[in-house]
Amino acid sequence: MEPVTLTAVVTAIATTLWTKAQEKIGENIGDATWALGGKLIGLLRQKNKSPLLTNAVEANEPQRLDYGQAVLELKAAAEADPEIA
């Protein structure tokens, strides 16, 4: 086999393996983010913190969310309760 052909085959195989590895890493990060976000919302509901954010999630309907206020509520909840932080 010529060196150019061998290099092309090795590059193709390496690219395929690298792509699959990156996809799996992305899936794992997405799953972890989704799980931690759900846990945070659960803690906020349980402790009655950040009502603007939890009500927006519970409403399950499109509505305008004041992100600035939601961030302020979340920051205040995290400062008040180390479990949320």
PDB file of N, CA and C in Angstrom:
ATOM      1  N   MET A   1       0.843  -1.173   0.000  1.00  0.00           N
ATOM      2  CA  MET A   1       0.000   0.000   0.000  1.00  0.00           C
ATOM      3  C   MET A   1       0.892   1.240   0.000  1.00  0.00           C
ATOM      4  N   GLU A   2       0.523   2.211  -0.735  1.00  0.00           N
ATOM      5  CA  GLU A   2       1.326   3.423  -0.822  1.00  0.00           C
ATOM      6  C   GLU A   2       1.141   4.262   0.445  1.00  0.00           C
ATOM      7  N   PRO A   3       2.170   5.018   0.799  1.00  0.00           N
ATOM      8  CA  PRO A   3       2.088   5.822   2.013  1.00  0.00           C
ATOM      9  C   PRO A   3       0.929   6.817   2.019  1.00  0.00           C
ATOM     10  N   VAL A   4       0.610   7.372   0.859  1.00  0.00           N
ATOM     11  CA  VAL A   4      -0.480   8.346   0.789  1.00  0.00           C
ATOM     12  C   VAL A   4      -1.814   7.668   1.089  1.00  0.00           C
ATOM     13  N   THR A   5      -2.034   6.497   0.536  1.00  0.00           N
ATOM     14  CA  THR A   5      -3.272   5.756   0.752  1.00  0.00           C
ATOM     15  C   THR A   5      -3.373   5.305   2.201  1.00  0.00           C
ATOM     16  N   LEU A   6      -2.281   4.821   2.749  1.00  0.00           N
ATOM     17  CA  LEU A   6      -2.250   4.388   4.142  1.00  0.00           C
ATOM     18  C   LEU A   6      -2.564   5.565   5.072  1.00  0.00           C
ATOM     19  N   THR A   7      -1.990   6.707   4.787  1.00  0.00           N
ATOM     20  CA  THR A   7      -2.246   7.902   5.596  1.00  0.00           C
ATOM     21  C   THR A   7      -3.718   8.295   5.518  1.00  0.00           C
ATOM     22  N   ALA A   8      -4.304   8.230   4.334  1.00  0.00           N
ATOM     23  CA  ALA A   8      -5.715   8.579   4.167  1.00  0.00           C
ATOM     24  C   ALA A   8      -6.619   7.626   4.938  1.00  0.00           C
ATOM     25  N   VAL A   9      -6.315   6.324   4.906  1.00  0.00           N
ATOM     26  CA  VAL A   9      -7.118   5.332   5.617  1.00  0.00           C
ATOM     27  C   VAL A   9      -7.008   5.543   7.120  1.00  0.00           C
ATOM     28  N   VAL A  10      -5.800   5.744   7.609  1.00  0.00           N
ATOM     29  CA  VAL A  10      -5.592   5.956   9.043  1.00  0.00           C
ATOM     30  C   VAL A  10      -6.301   7.235   9.492  1.00  0.00           C
ATOM     31  N   THR A  11      -6.225   8.276   8.694  1.00  0.00           N
ATOM     32  CA  THR A  11      -6.892   9.537   9.022  1.00  0.00           C
ATOM     33  C   THR A  11      -8.405   9.356   9.071  1.00  0.00           C
ATOM     34  N   ALA A  12      -8.960   8.616   8.135  1.00  0.00           N
ATOM     35  CA  ALA A  12     -10.407   8.376   8.109  1.00  0.00           C
ATOM     36  C   ALA A  12     -10.859   7.598   9.342  1.00  0.00           C
ATOM     37  N   ILE A  13     -10.103   6.576   9.708  1.00  0.00           N
ATOM     38  CA  ILE A  13     -10.449   5.772  10.889  1.00  0.00           C
ATOM     39  C   ILE A  13     -10.331   6.619  12.153  1.00  0.00           C
ATOM     40  N   ALA A  14      -9.263   7.371  12.275  1.00  0.00           N
ATOM     41  CA  ALA A  14      -9.058   8.213  13.450  1.00  0.00           C
ATOM     42  C   ALA A  14     -10.146   9.272  13.572  1.00  0.00           C
ATOM     43  N   THR A  15     -10.540   9.841  12.443  1.00  0.00           N
ATOM     44  CA  THR A  15     -11.600  10.847  12.454  1.00  0.00           C
ATOM     45  C   THR A  15     -12.915  10.252  12.923  1.00  0.00           C
ATOM     46  N   THR A  16     -13.237   9.063  12.451  1.00  0.00           N
ATOM     47  CA  THR A  16     -14.476   8.398  12.867  1.00  0.00           C
ATOM     48  C   THR A  16     -14.465   8.108  14.358  1.00  0.00           C
ATOM     49  N   LEU A  17     -13.378   7.561  14.860  1.00  0.00           N
ATOM     50  CA  LEU A  17     -13.281   7.255  16.287  1.00  0.00           C
ATOM     51  C   LEU A  17     -13.352   8.524  17.129  1.00  0.00           C
ATOM     52  N   TRP A  18     -12.670   9.569  16.690  1.00  0.00           N
ATOM     53  CA  TRP A  18     -12.665  10.840  17.424  1.00  0.00           C
ATOM     54  C   TRP A  18     -14.069  11.439  17.469  1.00  0.00           C
ATOM     55  N   THR A  19     -14.780  11.372  16.356  1.00  0.00           N
ATOM     56  CA  THR A  19     -16.134  11.924  16.284  1.00  0.00           C
ATOM     57  C   THR A  19     -17.061  11.179  17.240  1.00  0.00           C
ATOM     58  N   LYS A  20     -16.980   9.866  17.254  1.00  0.00           N
ATOM     59  CA  LYS A  20     -17.826   9.076  18.149  1.00  0.00           C
ATOM     60  C   LYS A  20     -17.510   9.382  19.612  1.00  0.00           C
ATOM     61  N   ALA A  21     -16.232   9.531  19.923  1.00  0.00           N
ATOM     62  CA  ALA A  21     -15.847   9.863  21.299  1.00  0.00           C
ATOM     63  C   ALA A  21     -16.395  11.232  21.701  1.00  0.00           C
ATOM     64  N   GLN A  22     -16.324  12.195  20.804  1.00  0.00           N
ATOM     65  CA  GLN A  22     -16.840  13.528  21.094  1.00  0.00           C
ATOM     66  C   GLN A  22     -18.358  13.510  21.279  1.00  0.00           C
ATOM     67  N   GLU A  23     -19.052  12.712  20.479  1.00  0.00           N
ATOM     68  CA  GLU A  23     -20.504  12.597  20.626  1.00  0.00           C
ATOM     69  C   GLU A  23     -20.859  12.040  21.999  1.00  0.00           C
ATOM     70  N   LYS A  24     -20.145  11.030  22.439  1.00  0.00           N
ATOM     71  CA  LYS A  24     -20.419  10.415  23.734  1.00  0.00           C
ATOM     72  C   LYS A  24     -20.129  11.392  24.868  1.00  0.00           C
ATOM     73  N   ILE A  25     -19.039  12.128  24.754  1.00  0.00           N
ATOM     74  CA  ILE A  25     -18.711  13.125  25.772  1.00  0.00           C
ATOM     75  C   ILE A  25     -19.819  14.177  25.834  1.00  0.00           C
ATOM     76  N   GLY A  26     -20.292  14.619  24.683  1.00  0.00           N
ATOM     77  CA  GLY A  26     -21.379  15.592  24.637  1.00  0.00           C
ATOM     78  C   GLY A  26     -22.654  15.063  25.271  1.00  0.00           C
ATOM     79  N   GLU A  27     -22.972  13.799  25.011  1.00  0.00           N
ATOM     80  CA  GLU A  27     -24.152  13.186  25.615  1.00  0.00           C
ATOM     81  C   GLU A  27     -24.018  13.151  27.132  1.00  0.00           C
ATOM     82  N   ASN A  28     -22.854  12.761  27.628  1.00  0.00           N
ATOM     83  CA  ASN A  28     -22.640  12.677  29.074  1.00  0.00           C
ATOM     84  C   ASN A  28     -22.747  14.047  29.730  1.00  0.00           C
ATOM     85  N   ILE A  29     -22.187  15.063  29.103  1.00  0.00           N
ATOM     86  CA  ILE A  29     -22.270  16.415  29.653  1.00  0.00           C
ATOM     87  C   ILE A  29     -23.720  16.888  29.652  1.00  0.00           C
ATOM     88  N   GLY A  30     -24.432  16.626  28.569  1.00  0.00           N
ATOM     89  CA  GLY A  30     -25.841  17.012  28.496  1.00  0.00           C
ATOM     90  C   GLY A  30     -26.688  16.323  29.555  1.00  0.00           C
ATOM     91  N   ASP A  31     -26.465  15.029  29.742  1.00  0.00           N
ATOM     92  CA  ASP A  31     -27.218  14.287  30.759  1.00  0.00           C
ATOM     93  C   ASP A  31     -26.934  14.820  32.155  1.00  0.00           C
ATOM     94  N   ALA A  32     -25.662  15.080  32.451  1.00  0.00           N
ATOM     95  CA  ALA A  32     -25.298  15.589  33.774  1.00  0.00           C
ATOM     96  C   ALA A  32     -25.902  16.979  34.002  1.00  0.00           C
ATOM     97  N   THR A  33     -25.855  17.813  32.990  1.00  0.00           N
ATOM     98  CA  THR A  33     -26.415  19.159  33.117  1.00  0.00           C
ATOM     99  C   THR A  33     -27.913  19.096  33.354  1.00  0.00           C
ATOM    100  N   TRP A  34     -28.606  18.242  32.611  1.00  0.00           N
ATOM    101  CA  TRP A  34     -30.051  18.107  32.755  1.00  0.00           C
ATOM    102  C   TRP A  34     -30.401  17.598  34.154  1.00  0.00           C
ATOM    103  N   ALA A  35     -29.654  16.622  34.650  1.00  0.00           N
ATOM    104  CA  ALA A  35     -29.927  16.049  35.966  1.00  0.00           C
ATOM    105  C   ALA A  35     -29.677  17.075  37.069  1.00  0.00           C
ATOM    106  N   LEU A  36     -28.568  17.795  36.975  1.00  0.00           N
ATOM    107  CA  LEU A  36     -28.266  18.795  38.005  1.00  0.00           C
ATOM    108  C   LEU A  36     -29.246  19.956  37.971  1.00  0.00           C
ATOM    109  N   GLY A  37     -29.689  20.334  36.786  1.00  0.00           N
ATOM    110  CA  GLY A  37     -30.693  21.399  36.682  1.00  0.00           C
ATOM    111  C   GLY A  37     -32.004  20.978  37.328  1.00  0.00           C
ATOM    112  N   GLY A  38     -32.410  19.737  37.087  1.00  0.00           N
ATOM    113  CA  GLY A  38     -33.626  19.213  37.712  1.00  0.00           C
ATOM    114  C   GLY A  38     -33.501  19.142  39.226  1.00  0.00           C
ATOM    115  N   LYS A  39     -32.320  18.762  39.692  1.00  0.00           N
ATOM    116  CA  LYS A  39     -32.090  18.703  41.140  1.00  0.00           C
ATOM    117  C   LYS A  39     -32.173  20.096  41.758  1.00  0.00           C
ATOM    118  N   LEU A  40     -31.599  21.095  41.068  1.00  0.00           N
ATOM    119  CA  LEU A  40     -31.652  22.473  41.556  1.00  0.00           C
ATOM    120  C   LEU A  40     -33.087  22.969  41.620  1.00  0.00           C
ATOM    121  N   ILE A  41     -33.866  22.742  40.573  1.00  0.00           N
ATOM    122  CA  ILE A  41     -35.268  23.166  40.574  1.00  0.00           C
ATOM    123  C   ILE A  41     -36.033  22.462  41.701  1.00  0.00           C
ATOM    124  N   GLY A  42     -35.752  21.181  41.918  1.00  0.00           N
ATOM    125  CA  GLY A  42     -36.390  20.447  43.014  1.00  0.00           C
ATOM    126  C   GLY A  42     -36.063  21.041  44.370  1.00  0.00           C
ATOM    127  N   LEU A  43     -34.805  21.381  44.590  1.00  0.00           N
ATOM    128  CA  LEU A  43     -34.416  22.007  45.859  1.00  0.00           C
ATOM    129  C   LEU A  43     -35.084  23.364  46.034  1.00  0.00           C
ATOM    130  N   LEU A  44     -35.133  24.137  44.973  1.00  0.00           N
ATOM    131  CA  LEU A  44     -35.773  25.455  45.057  1.00  0.00           C
ATOM    132  C   LEU A  44     -37.259  25.317  45.376  1.00  0.00           C
ATOM    133  N   ARG A  45     -37.933  24.342  44.783  1.00  0.00           N
ATOM    134  CA  ARG A  45     -39.357  24.114  45.078  1.00  0.00           C
ATOM    135  C   ARG A  45     -39.540  23.677  46.524  1.00  0.00           C
ATOM    136  N   GLN A  46     -38.695  22.734  46.965  1.00  0.00           N
ATOM    137  CA  GLN A  46     -38.811  22.174  48.303  1.00  0.00           C
ATOM    138  C   GLN A  46     -38.617  23.252  49.366  1.00  0.00           C
ATOM    139  N   LYS A  47     -37.701  24.152  49.146  1.00  0.00           N
ATOM    140  CA  LYS A  47     -37.383  25.184  50.135  1.00  0.00           C
ATOM    141  C   LYS A  47     -38.122  26.497  49.877  1.00  0.00           C
ATOM    142  N   ASN A  48     -39.016  26.501  48.881  1.00  0.00           N
ATOM    143  CA  ASN A  48     -39.795  27.689  48.529  1.00  0.00           C
ATOM    144  C   ASN A  48     -38.911  28.904  48.258  1.00  0.00           C
ATOM    145  N   LYS A  49     -37.842  28.683  47.541  1.00  0.00           N
ATOM    146  CA  LYS A  49     -36.940  29.761  47.142  1.00  0.00           C
ATOM    147  C   LYS A  49     -37.166  30.058  45.671  1.00  0.00           C
ATOM    148  N   SER A  50     -36.853  31.239  45.265  1.00  0.00           N
ATOM    149  CA  SER A  50     -36.916  31.658  43.868  1.00  0.00           C
ATOM    150  C   SER A  50     -38.264  31.335  43.210  1.00  0.00           C
ATOM    151  N   PRO A  51     -39.361  31.913  43.725  1.00  0.00           N
ATOM    152  CA  PRO A  51     -40.685  31.582  43.179  1.00  0.00           C
ATOM    153  C   PRO A  51     -40.858  31.954  41.712  1.00  0.00           C
ATOM    154  N   LEU A  52     -40.213  33.013  41.260  1.00  0.00           N
ATOM    155  CA  LEU A  52     -40.346  33.403  39.857  1.00  0.00           C
ATOM    156  C   LEU A  52     -39.847  32.288  38.946  1.00  0.00           C
ATOM    157  N   LEU A  53     -38.702  31.715  39.273  1.00  0.00           N
ATOM    158  CA  LEU A  53     -38.112  30.672  38.447  1.00  0.00           C
ATOM    159  C   LEU A  53     -38.906  29.372  38.525  1.00  0.00           C
ATOM    160  N   THR A  54     -39.281  28.946  39.717  1.00  0.00           N
ATOM    161  CA  THR A  54     -40.011  27.682  39.847  1.00  0.00           C
ATOM    162  C   THR A  54     -41.416  27.782  39.278  1.00  0.00           C
ATOM    163  N   ASN A  55     -42.068  28.930  39.394  1.00  0.00           N
ATOM    164  CA  ASN A  55     -43.400  29.093  38.807  1.00  0.00           C
ATOM    165  C   ASN A  55     -43.335  29.051  37.289  1.00  0.00           C
ATOM    166  N   ALA A  56     -42.275  29.611  36.721  1.00  0.00           N
ATOM    167  CA  ALA A  56     -42.121  29.582  35.267  1.00  0.00           C
ATOM    168  C   ALA A  56     -41.944  28.154  34.777  1.00  0.00           C
ATOM    169  N   VAL A  57     -41.239  27.334  35.520  1.00  0.00           N
ATOM    170  CA  VAL A  57     -41.029  25.936  35.136  1.00  0.00           C
ATOM    171  C   VAL A  57     -42.322  25.152  35.305  1.00  0.00           C
ATOM    172  N   GLU A  58     -43.056  25.397  36.395  1.00  0.00           N
ATOM    173  CA  GLU A  58     -44.285  24.657  36.675  1.00  0.00           C
ATOM    174  C   GLU A  58     -45.420  25.041  35.735  1.00  0.00           C
ATOM    175  N   ALA A  59     -45.438  26.276  35.252  1.00  0.00           N
ATOM    176  CA  ALA A  59     -46.544  26.737  34.417  1.00  0.00           C
ATOM    177  C   ALA A  59     -46.650  25.928  33.135  1.00  0.00           C
ATOM    178  N   ASN A  60     -45.532  25.487  32.621  1.00  0.00           N
ATOM    179  CA  ASN A  60     -45.502  24.630  31.429  1.00  0.00           C
ATOM    180  C   ASN A  60     -46.190  25.282  30.233  1.00  0.00           C
ATOM    181  N   GLU A  61     -46.150  26.581  30.196  1.00  0.00           N
ATOM    182  CA  GLU A  61     -46.708  27.315  29.066  1.00  0.00           C
ATOM    183  C   GLU A  61     -45.749  28.438  28.720  1.00  0.00           C
ATOM    184  N   PRO A  62     -45.703  28.819  27.465  1.00  0.00           N
ATOM    185  CA  PRO A  62     -44.777  29.886  27.082  1.00  0.00           C
ATOM    186  C   PRO A  62     -45.149  31.197  27.768  1.00  0.00           C
ATOM    187  N   GLN A  63     -44.204  31.771  28.425  1.00  0.00           N
ATOM    188  CA  GLN A  63     -44.409  33.060  29.065  1.00  0.00           C
ATOM    189  C   GLN A  63     -43.081  33.789  29.102  1.00  0.00           C
ATOM    190  N   ARG A  64     -43.168  35.070  29.244  1.00  0.00           N
ATOM    191  CA  ARG A  64     -41.949  35.864  29.322  1.00  0.00           C
ATOM    192  C   ARG A  64     -41.388  35.737  30.727  1.00  0.00           C
ATOM    193  N   LEU A  65     -40.130  35.410  30.815  1.00  0.00           N
ATOM    194  CA  LEU A  65     -39.455  35.276  32.100  1.00  0.00           C
ATOM    195  C   LEU A  65     -38.467  36.420  32.230  1.00  0.00           C
ATOM    196  N   ASP A  66     -38.539  37.111  33.349  1.00  0.00           N
ATOM    197  CA  ASP A  66     -37.591  38.182  33.623  1.00  0.00           C
ATOM    198  C   ASP A  66     -36.304  37.520  34.125  1.00  0.00           C
ATOM    199  N   TYR A  67     -35.380  37.302  33.208  1.00  0.00           N
ATOM    200  CA  TYR A  67     -34.157  36.576  33.543  1.00  0.00           C
ATOM    201  C   TYR A  67     -33.328  37.316  34.583  1.00  0.00           C
ATOM    202  N   GLY A  68     -33.322  38.632  34.528  1.00  0.00           N
ATOM    203  CA  GLY A  68     -32.579  39.409  35.522  1.00  0.00           C
ATOM    204  C   GLY A  68     -33.088  39.142  36.925  1.00  0.00           C
ATOM    205  N   GLN A  69     -34.421  39.157  37.081  1.00  0.00           N
ATOM    206  CA  GLN A  69     -35.018  38.891  38.391  1.00  0.00           C
ATOM    207  C   GLN A  69     -34.780  37.442  38.804  1.00  0.00           C
ATOM    208  N   ALA A  70     -34.885  36.511  37.865  1.00  0.00           N
ATOM    209  CA  ALA A  70     -34.656  35.096  38.183  1.00  0.00           C
ATOM    210  C   ALA A  70     -33.224  34.874  38.661  1.00  0.00           C
ATOM    211  N   VAL A  71     -32.259  35.531  38.029  1.00  0.00           N
ATOM    212  CA  VAL A  71     -30.858  35.399  38.445  1.00  0.00           C
ATOM    213  C   VAL A  71     -30.667  35.987  39.841  1.00  0.00           C
ATOM    214  N   LEU A  72     -31.290  37.138  40.112  1.00  0.00           N
ATOM    215  CA  LEU A  72     -31.176  37.740  41.445  1.00  0.00           C
ATOM    216  C   LEU A  72     -31.780  36.833  42.510  1.00  0.00           C
ATOM    217  N   GLU A  73     -32.946  36.229  42.228  1.00  0.00           N
ATOM    218  CA  GLU A  73     -33.561  35.311  43.181  1.00  0.00           C
ATOM    219  C   GLU A  73     -32.700  34.077  43.403  1.00  0.00           C
ATOM    220  N   LEU A  74     -32.145  33.551  42.337  1.00  0.00           N
ATOM    221  CA  LEU A  74     -31.295  32.366  42.450  1.00  0.00           C
ATOM    222  C   LEU A  74     -30.023  32.676  43.229  1.00  0.00           C
ATOM    223  N   LYS A  75     -29.450  33.845  42.992  1.00  0.00           N
ATOM    224  CA  LYS A  75     -28.249  34.247  43.718  1.00  0.00           C
ATOM    225  C   LYS A  75     -28.555  34.426  45.203  1.00  0.00           C
ATOM    226  N   ALA A  76     -29.680  35.047  45.522  1.00  0.00           N
ATOM    227  CA  ALA A  76     -30.070  35.233  46.922  1.00  0.00           C
ATOM    228  C   ALA A  76     -30.317  33.885  47.591  1.00  0.00           C
ATOM    229  N   ALA A  77     -30.958  32.955  46.888  1.00  0.00           N
ATOM    230  CA  ALA A  77     -31.208  31.626  47.446  1.00  0.00           C
ATOM    231  C   ALA A  77     -29.899  30.891  47.695  1.00  0.00           C
ATOM    232  N   ALA A  78     -28.940  31.022  46.786  1.00  0.00           N
ATOM    233  CA  ALA A  78     -27.650  30.353  46.946  1.00  0.00           C
ATOM    234  C   ALA A  78     -26.858  30.946  48.102  1.00  0.00           C
ATOM    235  N   GLU A  79     -26.963  32.248  48.304  1.00  0.00           N
ATOM    236  CA  GLU A  79     -26.268  32.871  49.430  1.00  0.00           C
ATOM    237  C   GLU A  79     -26.902  32.497  50.763  1.00  0.00           C
ATOM    238  N   ALA A  80     -28.234  32.311  50.768  1.00  0.00           N
ATOM    239  CA  ALA A  80     -28.936  32.000  52.017  1.00  0.00           C
ATOM    240  C   ALA A  80     -28.826  30.525  52.400  1.00  0.00           C
ATOM    241  N   ASP A  81     -28.661  29.647  51.438  1.00  0.00           N
ATOM    242  CA  ASP A  81     -28.673  28.209  51.712  1.00  0.00           C
ATOM    243  C   ASP A  81     -27.478  27.538  51.025  1.00  0.00           C
ATOM    244  N   PRO A  82     -26.522  27.029  51.794  1.00  0.00           N
ATOM    245  CA  PRO A  82     -25.349  26.406  51.179  1.00  0.00           C
ATOM    246  C   PRO A  82     -25.670  25.144  50.373  1.00  0.00           C
ATOM    247  N   GLU A  83     -26.787  24.483  50.662  1.00  0.00           N
ATOM    248  CA  GLU A  83     -27.161  23.288  49.898  1.00  0.00           C
ATOM    249  C   GLU A  83     -27.518  23.656  48.457  1.00  0.00           C
ATOM    250  N   ILE A  84     -28.102  24.830  48.256  1.00  0.00           N
ATOM    251  CA  ILE A  84     -28.449  25.280  46.912  1.00  0.00           C
ATOM    252  C   ILE A  84     -27.212  25.756  46.172  1.00  0.00           C
ATOM    253  N   ALA A  85     -26.322  26.397  46.901  1.00  0.00           N
ATOM    254  CA  ALA A  85     -25.092  26.915  46.265  1.00  0.00           C
ATOM    255  C   ALA A  85     -24.280  25.764  45.732  1.00  0.00           C
TER     256      ALA A  85
END
